């Protein structure tokens, strides 16, 4: 398992690699623009070329899309703005040579699955080699994607949906009712994945502990020494031959030192300390 952090590009895109080296990350995740603003600054060809040249052995390079994107919104205006924002995210990923683009599918409308699939179909037309990953959500409100059955429904309605992948977030799964502290739950999770998207679709794991209780639908990440999942969950992942071979990104809170400590702990508990 290649492990790494979500890192900052504040001030300069290549800051991501400085934080990556300082934290001993192998994989990296970034935002390419503010995740809470519709308007995003253009990335120059020069800056993109510098980023590509400095990637070195960091792999995969993951981009997390804006939190504002909601392809399944009740509002036609929000759906259109979301599609344009997603298309812009795809283009920035292509410029940077990113491997994966992680997306929260959204929701709100009774036809949300259809609307999300329509937006994804258009995004896939221009995605090129960028793999769009649908992330499971915590089950808050009417958002779609709290389990693999819902993610499968989106994939099935998307034109060329077989080109989509999945990012599995441990915090979100626990909040949606999966008690990942139990081995039997992981076995049932295997069965659910096999019956829906297929395990080959799971390209990334977000290794996050959680502040919320089981089934709380609360999307609040925690550091691995302070959350509800704890080291027992990491040990189960260590012993799981399927999940232990999928790259992992930590999105835990705090400054770089706190997040690096989380990464070090994960390496030690997952038996990947070099």
C-alpha atoms as a PDB file:
ATOM      1  CA  UNK A   1       0.000   0.000   0.000  1.00  0.00           C
ATOM      2  CA  UNK A   2       1.375   3.391  -1.010  1.00  0.00           C
ATOM      3  CA  UNK A   3       0.482   5.967   1.638  1.00  0.00           C
ATOM      4  CA  UNK A   4       0.421   9.744   1.589  1.00  0.00           C
ATOM      5  CA  UNK A   5      -1.237  12.949   2.719  1.00  0.00           C
ATOM      6  CA  UNK A   6      -3.577  15.531   1.341  1.00  0.00           C
ATOM      7  CA  UNK A   7      -1.151  18.442   1.019  1.00  0.00           C
ATOM      8  CA  UNK A   8      -1.284  22.168   0.347  1.00  0.00           C
ATOM      9  CA  UNK A   9      -0.506  24.061  -2.858  1.00  0.00           C
ATOM     10  CA  UNK A  10      -0.890  27.444  -1.165  1.00  0.00           C
ATOM     11  CA  UNK A  11       1.404  29.952  -2.872  1.00  0.00           C
ATOM     12  CA  UNK A  12       2.731  27.505  -5.454  1.00  0.00           C
ATOM     13  CA  UNK A  13       1.644  24.194  -6.951  1.00  0.00           C
ATOM     14  CA  UNK A  14       4.967  22.520  -6.211  1.00  0.00           C
ATOM     15  CA  UNK A  15       4.582  23.204  -2.490  1.00  0.00           C
ATOM     16  CA  UNK A  16       2.724  19.882  -2.581  1.00  0.00           C
ATOM     17  CA  UNK A  17       6.001  18.087  -3.223  1.00  0.00           C
ATOM     18  CA  UNK A  18       7.775  19.941  -0.400  1.00  0.00           C
ATOM     19  CA  UNK A  19       5.099  18.749   2.033  1.00  0.00           C
ATOM     20  CA  UNK A  20       5.204  15.315   0.446  1.00  0.00           C
ATOM     21  CA  UNK A  21       8.938  14.959   0.996  1.00  0.00           C
ATOM     22  CA  UNK A  22       8.794  16.393   4.525  1.00  0.00           C
ATOM     23  CA  UNK A  23       6.065  13.931   5.511  1.00  0.00           C
ATOM     24  CA  UNK A  24       7.642  10.973   3.680  1.00  0.00           C
ATOM     25  CA  UNK A  25       4.503  10.575   1.596  1.00  0.00           C
ATOM     26  CA  UNK A  26       4.534   8.234  -1.375  1.00  0.00           C
ATOM     27  CA  UNK A  27       1.142   9.288  -2.769  1.00  0.00           C
ATOM     28  CA  UNK A  28      -0.294  12.819  -2.680  1.00  0.00           C
ATOM     29  CA  UNK A  29      -3.689  14.494  -2.866  1.00  0.00           C
ATOM     30  CA  UNK A  30      -4.340  18.183  -3.550  1.00  0.00           C
ATOM     31  CA  UNK A  31      -7.032  20.685  -4.359  1.00  0.00           C
ATOM     32  CA  UNK A  32      -6.260  22.495  -7.609  1.00  0.00           C
ATOM     33  CA  UNK A  33      -8.403  25.475  -6.512  1.00  0.00           C
ATOM     34  CA  UNK A  34     -10.322  26.619  -3.447  1.00  0.00           C
ATOM     35  CA  UNK A  35     -12.771  23.800  -2.625  1.00  0.00           C
ATOM     36  CA  UNK A  36     -15.368  26.296  -1.370  1.00  0.00           C
ATOM     37  CA  UNK A  37     -15.437  28.820  -4.226  1.00  0.00           C
ATOM     38  CA  UNK A  38     -16.996  28.502  -7.660  1.00  0.00           C
ATOM     39  CA  UNK A  39     -14.470  30.793  -9.291  1.00  0.00           C
ATOM     40  CA  UNK A  40     -11.026  29.271  -9.736  1.00  0.00           C
ATOM     41  CA  UNK A  41      -7.760  30.756 -10.910  1.00  0.00           C
ATOM     42  CA  UNK A  42      -6.234  29.542 -14.161  1.00  0.00           C
ATOM     43  CA  UNK A  43      -3.178  27.321 -13.976  1.00  0.00           C
ATOM     44  CA  UNK A  44      -0.514  28.544 -16.366  1.00  0.00           C
ATOM     45  CA  UNK A  45       1.168  26.162 -18.777  1.00  0.00           C
ATOM     46  CA  UNK A  46       4.484  27.065 -17.142  1.00  0.00           C
ATOM     47  CA  UNK A  47       3.257  26.183 -13.644  1.00  0.00           C
ATOM     48  CA  UNK A  48       1.704  22.944 -14.892  1.00  0.00           C
ATOM     49  CA  UNK A  49       4.923  21.946 -16.659  1.00  0.00           C
ATOM     50  CA  UNK A  50       6.926  22.621 -13.491  1.00  0.00           C
ATOM     51  CA  UNK A  51       4.492  20.461 -11.499  1.00  0.00           C
ATOM     52  CA  UNK A  52       4.735  17.586 -13.968  1.00  0.00           C
ATOM     53  CA  UNK A  53       8.530  17.823 -13.996  1.00  0.00           C
ATOM     54  CA  UNK A  54       8.759  17.588 -10.188  1.00  0.00           C
ATOM     55  CA  UNK A  55       6.327  14.690  -9.662  1.00  0.00           C
ATOM     56  CA  UNK A  56       9.200  12.218  -9.541  1.00  0.00           C
ATOM     57  CA  UNK A  57       8.124   9.037  -7.739  1.00  0.00           C
ATOM     58  CA  UNK A  58       4.977  10.382  -6.060  1.00  0.00           C
ATOM     59  CA  UNK A  59       2.169   8.089  -7.178  1.00  0.00           C
ATOM     60  CA  UNK A  60      -0.722   8.269  -7.452  1.00  0.00           C
ATOM     61  CA  UNK A  61      -1.296  12.008  -7.735  1.00  0.00           C
ATOM     62  CA  UNK A  62      -4.889  12.608  -6.655  1.00  0.00           C
ATOM     63  CA  UNK A  63      -7.008  15.737  -7.057  1.00  0.00           C
ATOM     64  CA  UNK A  64     -10.040  16.208  -4.825  1.00  0.00           C
ATOM     65  CA  UNK A  65     -12.789  18.167  -6.545  1.00  0.00           C
ATOM     66  CA  UNK A  66     -14.577  21.189  -5.087  1.00  0.00           C
ATOM     67  CA  UNK A  67     -17.019  20.585  -2.247  1.00  0.00           C
ATOM     68  CA  UNK A  68     -19.511  22.843  -4.032  1.00  0.00           C
ATOM     69  CA  UNK A  69     -20.000  20.489  -6.964  1.00  0.00           C
ATOM     70  CA  UNK A  70     -23.435  18.857  -6.761  1.00  0.00           C
ATOM     71  CA  UNK A  71     -24.483  17.201  -9.997  1.00  0.00           C
ATOM     72  CA  UNK A  72     -27.691  15.920  -8.364  1.00  0.00           C
ATOM     73  CA  UNK A  73     -29.003  19.215  -6.996  1.00  0.00           C
ATOM     74  CA  UNK A  74     -32.659  20.246  -7.234  1.00  0.00           C
ATOM     75  CA  UNK A  75     -31.496  23.522  -8.741  1.00  0.00           C
ATOM     76  CA  UNK A  76     -30.848  23.490 -12.518  1.00  0.00           C
ATOM     77  CA  UNK A  77     -28.524  26.462 -11.982  1.00  0.00           C
ATOM     78  CA  UNK A  78     -26.430  24.574  -9.406  1.00  0.00           C
ATOM     79  CA  UNK A  79     -26.329  21.500 -11.638  1.00  0.00           C
ATOM     80  CA  UNK A  80     -25.031  23.587 -14.543  1.00  0.00           C
ATOM     81  CA  UNK A  81     -22.449  25.365 -12.389  1.00  0.00           C
ATOM     82  CA  UNK A  82     -21.407  21.991 -10.978  1.00  0.00           C
ATOM     83  CA  UNK A  83     -20.928  20.517 -14.435  1.00  0.00           C
ATOM     84  CA  UNK A  84     -18.805  23.459 -15.546  1.00  0.00           C
ATOM     85  CA  UNK A  85     -16.741  23.238 -12.356  1.00  0.00           C
ATOM     86  CA  UNK A  86     -16.242  19.491 -12.884  1.00  0.00           C
ATOM     87  CA  UNK A  87     -15.156  20.011 -16.490  1.00  0.00           C
ATOM     88  CA  UNK A  88     -12.651  22.617 -15.299  1.00  0.00           C
ATOM     89  CA  UNK A  89     -11.375  20.177 -12.649  1.00  0.00           C
ATOM     90  CA  UNK A  90     -10.849  17.565 -15.367  1.00  0.00           C
ATOM     91  CA  UNK A  91      -8.862  20.005 -17.498  1.00  0.00           C
ATOM     92  CA  UNK A  92      -6.636  20.994 -14.564  1.00  0.00           C
ATOM     93  CA  UNK A  93      -6.021  17.307 -13.803  1.00  0.00           C
ATOM     94  CA  UNK A  94      -4.944  16.746 -17.386  1.00  0.00           C
ATOM     95  CA  UNK A  95      -2.607  19.730 -17.263  1.00  0.00           C
ATOM     96  CA  UNK A  96      -0.966  18.453 -14.064  1.00  0.00           C
ATOM     97  CA  UNK A  97      -0.773  14.832 -15.126  1.00  0.00           C
ATOM     98  CA  UNK A  98      -2.938  13.716 -12.190  1.00  0.00           C
ATOM     99  CA  UNK A  99      -4.025  10.086 -11.988  1.00  0.00           C
ATOM    100  CA  UNK A 100      -7.336  10.374 -10.127  1.00  0.00           C
ATOM    101  CA  UNK A 101     -10.057  12.988  -9.608  1.00  0.00           C
ATOM    102  CA  UNK A 102     -12.171  12.281  -6.511  1.00  0.00           C
ATOM    103  CA  UNK A 103     -15.789  13.487  -6.562  1.00  0.00           C
ATOM    104  CA  UNK A 104     -18.622  13.571  -4.038  1.00  0.00           C
ATOM    105  CA  UNK A 105     -21.586  12.718  -6.313  1.00  0.00           C
ATOM    106  CA  UNK A 106     -24.097  15.089  -4.686  1.00  0.00           C
ATOM    107  CA  UNK A 107     -27.862  14.753  -4.452  1.00  0.00           C
ATOM    108  CA  UNK A 108     -31.052  16.516  -3.438  1.00  0.00           C
ATOM    109  CA  UNK A 109     -33.413  15.891  -6.327  1.00  0.00           C
ATOM    110  CA  UNK A 110     -35.586  12.793  -6.678  1.00  0.00           C
ATOM    111  CA  UNK A 111     -33.891  12.285 -10.057  1.00  0.00           C
ATOM    112  CA  UNK A 112     -30.426  12.848  -8.567  1.00  0.00           C
ATOM    113  CA  UNK A 113     -28.925   9.587  -9.868  1.00  0.00           C
ATOM    114  CA  UNK A 114     -29.979  10.426 -13.430  1.00  0.00           C
ATOM    115  CA  UNK A 115     -28.695  13.997 -13.181  1.00  0.00           C
ATOM    116  CA  UNK A 116     -25.369  12.870 -11.694  1.00  0.00           C
ATOM    117  CA  UNK A 117     -24.965  10.269 -14.430  1.00  0.00           C
ATOM    118  CA  UNK A 118     -25.706  12.859 -17.135  1.00  0.00           C
ATOM    119  CA  UNK A 119     -23.025  15.170 -15.749  1.00  0.00           C
ATOM    120  CA  UNK A 120     -20.488  12.364 -15.439  1.00  0.00           C
ATOM    121  CA  UNK A 121     -21.185  11.216 -18.989  1.00  0.00           C
ATOM    122  CA  UNK A 122     -20.198  14.662 -20.253  1.00  0.00           C
ATOM    123  CA  UNK A 123     -17.123  14.792 -18.022  1.00  0.00           C
ATOM    124  CA  UNK A 124     -15.926  11.399 -19.247  1.00  0.00           C
ATOM    125  CA  UNK A 125     -16.066  12.669 -22.831  1.00  0.00           C
ATOM    126  CA  UNK A 126     -13.099  14.932 -22.058  1.00  0.00           C
ATOM    127  CA  UNK A 127     -11.402  13.050 -19.201  1.00  0.00           C
ATOM    128  CA  UNK A 128      -8.712  11.401 -21.294  1.00  0.00           C
ATOM    129  CA  UNK A 129      -6.423   9.445 -18.994  1.00  0.00           C
ATOM    130  CA  UNK A 130      -7.824  10.979 -15.797  1.00  0.00           C
ATOM    131  CA  UNK A 131      -9.800   8.435 -13.764  1.00  0.00           C
ATOM    132  CA  UNK A 132     -12.828   9.963 -12.004  1.00  0.00           C
ATOM    133  CA  UNK A 133     -13.475   8.279  -8.642  1.00  0.00           C
ATOM    134  CA  UNK A 134     -16.857   8.462  -6.934  1.00  0.00           C
ATOM    135  CA  UNK A 135     -16.415   8.752  -3.170  1.00  0.00           C
ATOM    136  CA  UNK A 136     -18.802   7.139  -0.718  1.00  0.00           C
ATOM    137  CA  UNK A 137     -20.478   9.726   1.506  1.00  0.00           C
ATOM    138  CA  UNK A 138     -21.473   9.831   5.170  1.00  0.00           C
ATOM    139  CA  UNK A 139     -25.201   9.654   4.384  1.00  0.00           C
ATOM    140  CA  UNK A 140     -25.930  13.223   5.354  1.00  0.00           C
ATOM    141  CA  UNK A 141     -29.181  14.699   4.051  1.00  0.00           C
ATOM    142  CA  UNK A 142     -30.231  13.436   0.637  1.00  0.00           C
ATOM    143  CA  UNK A 143     -26.751  12.929  -0.791  1.00  0.00           C
ATOM    144  CA  UNK A 144     -26.310   9.851  -2.979  1.00  0.00           C
ATOM    145  CA  UNK A 145     -23.491   7.382  -2.441  1.00  0.00           C
ATOM    146  CA  UNK A 146     -23.678   6.198   1.165  1.00  0.00           C
ATOM    147  CA  UNK A 147     -23.187   2.599   0.006  1.00  0.00           C
ATOM    148  CA  UNK A 148     -21.910   0.715  -3.023  1.00  0.00           C
ATOM    149  CA  UNK A 149     -25.414  -0.028  -4.280  1.00  0.00           C
ATOM    150  CA  UNK A 150     -26.011   3.699  -4.751  1.00  0.00           C
ATOM    151  CA  UNK A 151     -22.615   4.181  -6.401  1.00  0.00           C
ATOM    152  CA  UNK A 152     -23.411   1.260  -8.724  1.00  0.00           C
ATOM    153  CA  UNK A 153     -26.697   2.920  -9.722  1.00  0.00           C
ATOM    154  CA  UNK A 154     -24.788   6.032 -10.807  1.00  0.00           C
ATOM    155  CA  UNK A 155     -22.209   4.018 -12.724  1.00  0.00           C
ATOM    156  CA  UNK A 156     -24.926   2.009 -14.500  1.00  0.00           C
ATOM    157  CA  UNK A 157     -26.687   5.163 -15.740  1.00  0.00           C
ATOM    158  CA  UNK A 158     -23.481   6.868 -16.859  1.00  0.00           C
ATOM    159  CA  UNK A 159     -22.472   6.535 -20.493  1.00  0.00           C
ATOM    160  CA  UNK A 160     -19.132   4.689 -20.459  1.00  0.00           C
ATOM    161  CA  UNK A 161     -19.618   4.298 -16.716  1.00  0.00           C
ATOM    162  CA  UNK A 162     -17.164   1.406 -16.662  1.00  0.00           C
ATOM    163  CA  UNK A 163     -14.459   4.075 -16.903  1.00  0.00           C
ATOM    164  CA  UNK A 164     -15.402   5.404 -13.450  1.00  0.00           C
ATOM    165  CA  UNK A 165     -13.800   4.171 -10.243  1.00  0.00           C
ATOM    166  CA  UNK A 166     -14.477   4.378  -6.515  1.00  0.00           C
ATOM    167  CA  UNK A 167     -12.699   6.025  -3.579  1.00  0.00           C
ATOM    168  CA  UNK A 168     -13.576   4.384  -0.244  1.00  0.00           C
ATOM    169  CA  UNK A 169     -13.531   6.740   2.752  1.00  0.00           C
ATOM    170  CA  UNK A 170     -13.335   5.032   6.165  1.00  0.00           C
ATOM    171  CA  UNK A 171     -14.766   8.002   8.095  1.00  0.00           C
ATOM    172  CA  UNK A 172     -17.723   8.288   5.729  1.00  0.00           C
ATOM    173  CA  UNK A 173     -18.403   4.547   5.842  1.00  0.00           C
ATOM    174  CA  UNK A 174     -18.471   4.509   9.659  1.00  0.00           C
ATOM    175  CA  UNK A 175     -20.770   7.539   9.695  1.00  0.00           C
ATOM    176  CA  UNK A 176     -23.057   5.758   7.214  1.00  0.00           C
ATOM    177  CA  UNK A 177     -23.365   2.733   9.508  1.00  0.00           C
ATOM    178  CA  UNK A 178     -20.473   0.401   8.627  1.00  0.00           C
ATOM    179  CA  UNK A 179     -18.725  -0.582  11.875  1.00  0.00           C
ATOM    180  CA  UNK A 180     -15.237  -0.929  10.447  1.00  0.00           C
ATOM    181  CA  UNK A 181     -13.873  -1.976  13.842  1.00  0.00           C
ATOM    182  CA  UNK A 182     -15.349  -5.443  13.192  1.00  0.00           C
ATOM    183  CA  UNK A 183     -13.866  -8.026  10.831  1.00  0.00           C
ATOM    184  CA  UNK A 184     -17.293  -9.456  10.004  1.00  0.00           C
ATOM    185  CA  UNK A 185     -18.379  -6.045   8.725  1.00  0.00           C
ATOM    186  CA  UNK A 186     -15.367  -5.934   6.409  1.00  0.00           C
ATOM    187  CA  UNK A 187     -16.328  -9.377   5.069  1.00  0.00           C
ATOM    188  CA  UNK A 188     -19.866  -8.137   4.403  1.00  0.00           C
ATOM    189  CA  UNK A 189     -18.352  -5.062   2.760  1.00  0.00           C
ATOM    190  CA  UNK A 190     -16.374  -7.379   0.440  1.00  0.00           C
ATOM    191  CA  UNK A 191     -19.621  -9.119  -0.504  1.00  0.00           C
ATOM    192  CA  UNK A 192     -21.364  -5.821  -1.182  1.00  0.00           C
ATOM    193  CA  UNK A 193     -18.524  -4.574  -3.384  1.00  0.00           C
ATOM    194  CA  UNK A 194     -18.377  -7.844  -5.330  1.00  0.00           C
ATOM    195  CA  UNK A 195     -22.146  -7.727  -5.909  1.00  0.00           C
ATOM    196  CA  UNK A 196     -22.094  -4.116  -7.117  1.00  0.00           C
ATOM    197  CA  UNK A 197     -19.120  -2.198  -8.544  1.00  0.00           C
ATOM    198  CA  UNK A 198     -16.576  -5.041  -8.351  1.00  0.00           C
ATOM    199  CA  UNK A 199     -13.372  -4.714  -6.373  1.00  0.00           C
ATOM    200  CA  UNK A 200     -11.327  -3.703  -9.413  1.00  0.00           C
ATOM    201  CA  UNK A 201     -13.217  -0.379  -9.342  1.00  0.00           C
ATOM    202  CA  UNK A 202     -11.845   0.521  -5.885  1.00  0.00           C
ATOM    203  CA  UNK A 203      -8.766   2.550  -6.780  1.00  0.00           C
ATOM    204  CA  UNK A 204      -8.167   4.568  -3.592  1.00  0.00           C
ATOM    205  CA  UNK A 205      -8.836   4.518   0.161  1.00  0.00           C
ATOM    206  CA  UNK A 206      -9.219   7.678   2.231  1.00  0.00           C
ATOM    207  CA  UNK A 207      -7.756   6.615   5.588  1.00  0.00           C
ATOM    208  CA  UNK A 208      -9.585   8.893   8.010  1.00  0.00           C
ATOM    209  CA  UNK A 209     -10.611   8.369  11.597  1.00  0.00           C
ATOM    210  CA  UNK A 210     -13.882  10.005  12.666  1.00  0.00           C
ATOM    211  CA  UNK A 211     -15.266  12.205  15.403  1.00  0.00           C
ATOM    212  CA  UNK A 212     -18.852  11.006  14.877  1.00  0.00           C
ATOM    213  CA  UNK A 213     -20.541   7.949  16.318  1.00  0.00           C
ATOM    214  CA  UNK A 214     -21.448   4.900  14.248  1.00  0.00           C
ATOM    215  CA  UNK A 215     -24.321   5.761  11.898  1.00  0.00           C
ATOM    216  CA  UNK A 216     -24.246   9.446  12.865  1.00  0.00           C
ATOM    217  CA  UNK A 217     -24.040  10.646   9.208  1.00  0.00           C
ATOM    218  CA  UNK A 218     -21.452  13.122  10.506  1.00  0.00           C
ATOM    219  CA  UNK A 219     -18.610  13.895   8.086  1.00  0.00           C
ATOM    220  CA  UNK A 220     -15.998  14.970  10.623  1.00  0.00           C
ATOM    221  CA  UNK A 221     -12.500  13.578  10.244  1.00  0.00           C
ATOM    222  CA  UNK A 222     -10.276  12.895  13.268  1.00  0.00           C
ATOM    223  CA  UNK A 223      -6.637  12.075  13.862  1.00  0.00           C
ATOM    224  CA  UNK A 224      -5.951   8.381  14.283  1.00  0.00           C
ATOM    225  CA  UNK A 225      -5.140   8.639  17.989  1.00  0.00           C
ATOM    226  CA  UNK A 226      -8.317  10.591  18.773  1.00  0.00           C
ATOM    227  CA  UNK A 227     -11.195   9.097  16.755  1.00  0.00           C
ATOM    228  CA  UNK A 228     -13.780   6.344  17.062  1.00  0.00           C
ATOM    229  CA  UNK A 229     -12.192   3.916  14.572  1.00  0.00           C
ATOM    230  CA  UNK A 230      -8.761   3.701  16.157  1.00  0.00           C
ATOM    231  CA  UNK A 231      -5.866   1.329  15.692  1.00  0.00           C
ATOM    232  CA  UNK A 232      -8.042  -1.801  15.607  1.00  0.00           C
ATOM    233  CA  UNK A 233      -9.451  -0.658  12.270  1.00  0.00           C
ATOM    234  CA  UNK A 234      -5.959  -0.135  10.877  1.00  0.00           C
ATOM    235  CA  UNK A 235      -4.953  -3.632  11.986  1.00  0.00           C
ATOM    236  CA  UNK A 236      -7.956  -5.103  10.180  1.00  0.00           C
ATOM    237  CA  UNK A 237      -6.935  -3.249   7.021  1.00  0.00           C
ATOM    238  CA  UNK A 238      -3.384  -4.560   7.474  1.00  0.00           C
ATOM    239  CA  UNK A 239      -4.709  -8.123   7.492  1.00  0.00           C
ATOM    240  CA  UNK A 240      -7.072  -7.568   4.547  1.00  0.00           C
ATOM    241  CA  UNK A 241      -5.272  -8.630   1.340  1.00  0.00           C
ATOM    242  CA  UNK A 242      -7.707  -6.691  -0.826  1.00  0.00           C
ATOM    243  CA  UNK A 243      -7.736  -3.294   0.853  1.00  0.00           C
ATOM    244  CA  UNK A 244      -4.087  -3.451   1.919  1.00  0.00           C
ATOM    245  CA  UNK A 245      -3.035  -3.327  -1.737  1.00  0.00           C
ATOM    246  CA  UNK A 246      -5.013  -0.152  -2.556  1.00  0.00           C
ATOM    247  CA  UNK A 247      -3.227   3.248  -2.247  1.00  0.00           C
ATOM    248  CA  UNK A 248      -4.190   5.245   0.854  1.00  0.00           C
ATOM    249  CA  UNK A 249      -4.517   8.999   1.364  1.00  0.00           C
ATOM    250  CA  UNK A 250      -4.922  10.552   4.815  1.00  0.00           C
ATOM    251  CA  UNK A 251      -7.174  13.615   5.126  1.00  0.00           C
ATOM    252  CA  UNK A 252      -6.821  13.998   8.881  1.00  0.00           C
ATOM    253  CA  UNK A 253      -6.899  17.460  10.520  1.00  0.00           C
ATOM    254  CA  UNK A 254      -4.116  19.646  11.864  1.00  0.00           C
ATOM    255  CA  UNK A 255      -0.848  21.101  10.668  1.00  0.00           C
ATOM    256  CA  UNK A 256       1.738  19.169   8.677  1.00  0.00           C
ATOM    257  CA  UNK A 257       3.379  17.828  11.843  1.00  0.00           C
ATOM    258  CA  UNK A 258       0.083  16.395  13.131  1.00  0.00           C
ATOM    259  CA  UNK A 259      -0.778  14.848   9.771  1.00  0.00           C
ATOM    260  CA  UNK A 260       2.739  13.440   9.405  1.00  0.00           C
ATOM    261  CA  UNK A 261       2.362  11.800  12.816  1.00  0.00           C
ATOM    262  CA  UNK A 262      -0.846  10.174  11.569  1.00  0.00           C
ATOM    263  CA  UNK A 263       0.960   8.949   8.475  1.00  0.00           C
ATOM    264  CA  UNK A 264       3.808   7.498  10.535  1.00  0.00           C
ATOM    265  CA  UNK A 265       1.337   5.697  12.801  1.00  0.00           C
ATOM    266  CA  UNK A 266      -0.506   4.243   9.799  1.00  0.00           C
ATOM    267  CA  UNK A 267       2.762   3.000   8.322  1.00  0.00           C
ATOM    268  CA  UNK A 268       3.747   1.329  11.581  1.00  0.00           C
ATOM    269  CA  UNK A 269       0.350  -0.268  12.186  1.00  0.00           C
ATOM    270  CA  UNK A 270      -0.080  -1.339   8.600  1.00  0.00           C
ATOM    271  CA  UNK A 271       3.402  -2.881   8.652  1.00  0.00           C
ATOM    272  CA  UNK A 272       4.664  -0.700   5.847  1.00  0.00           C
ATOM    273  CA  UNK A 273       7.473   0.983   7.781  1.00  0.00           C
ATOM    274  CA  UNK A 274      10.590   0.708   5.641  1.00  0.00           C
END
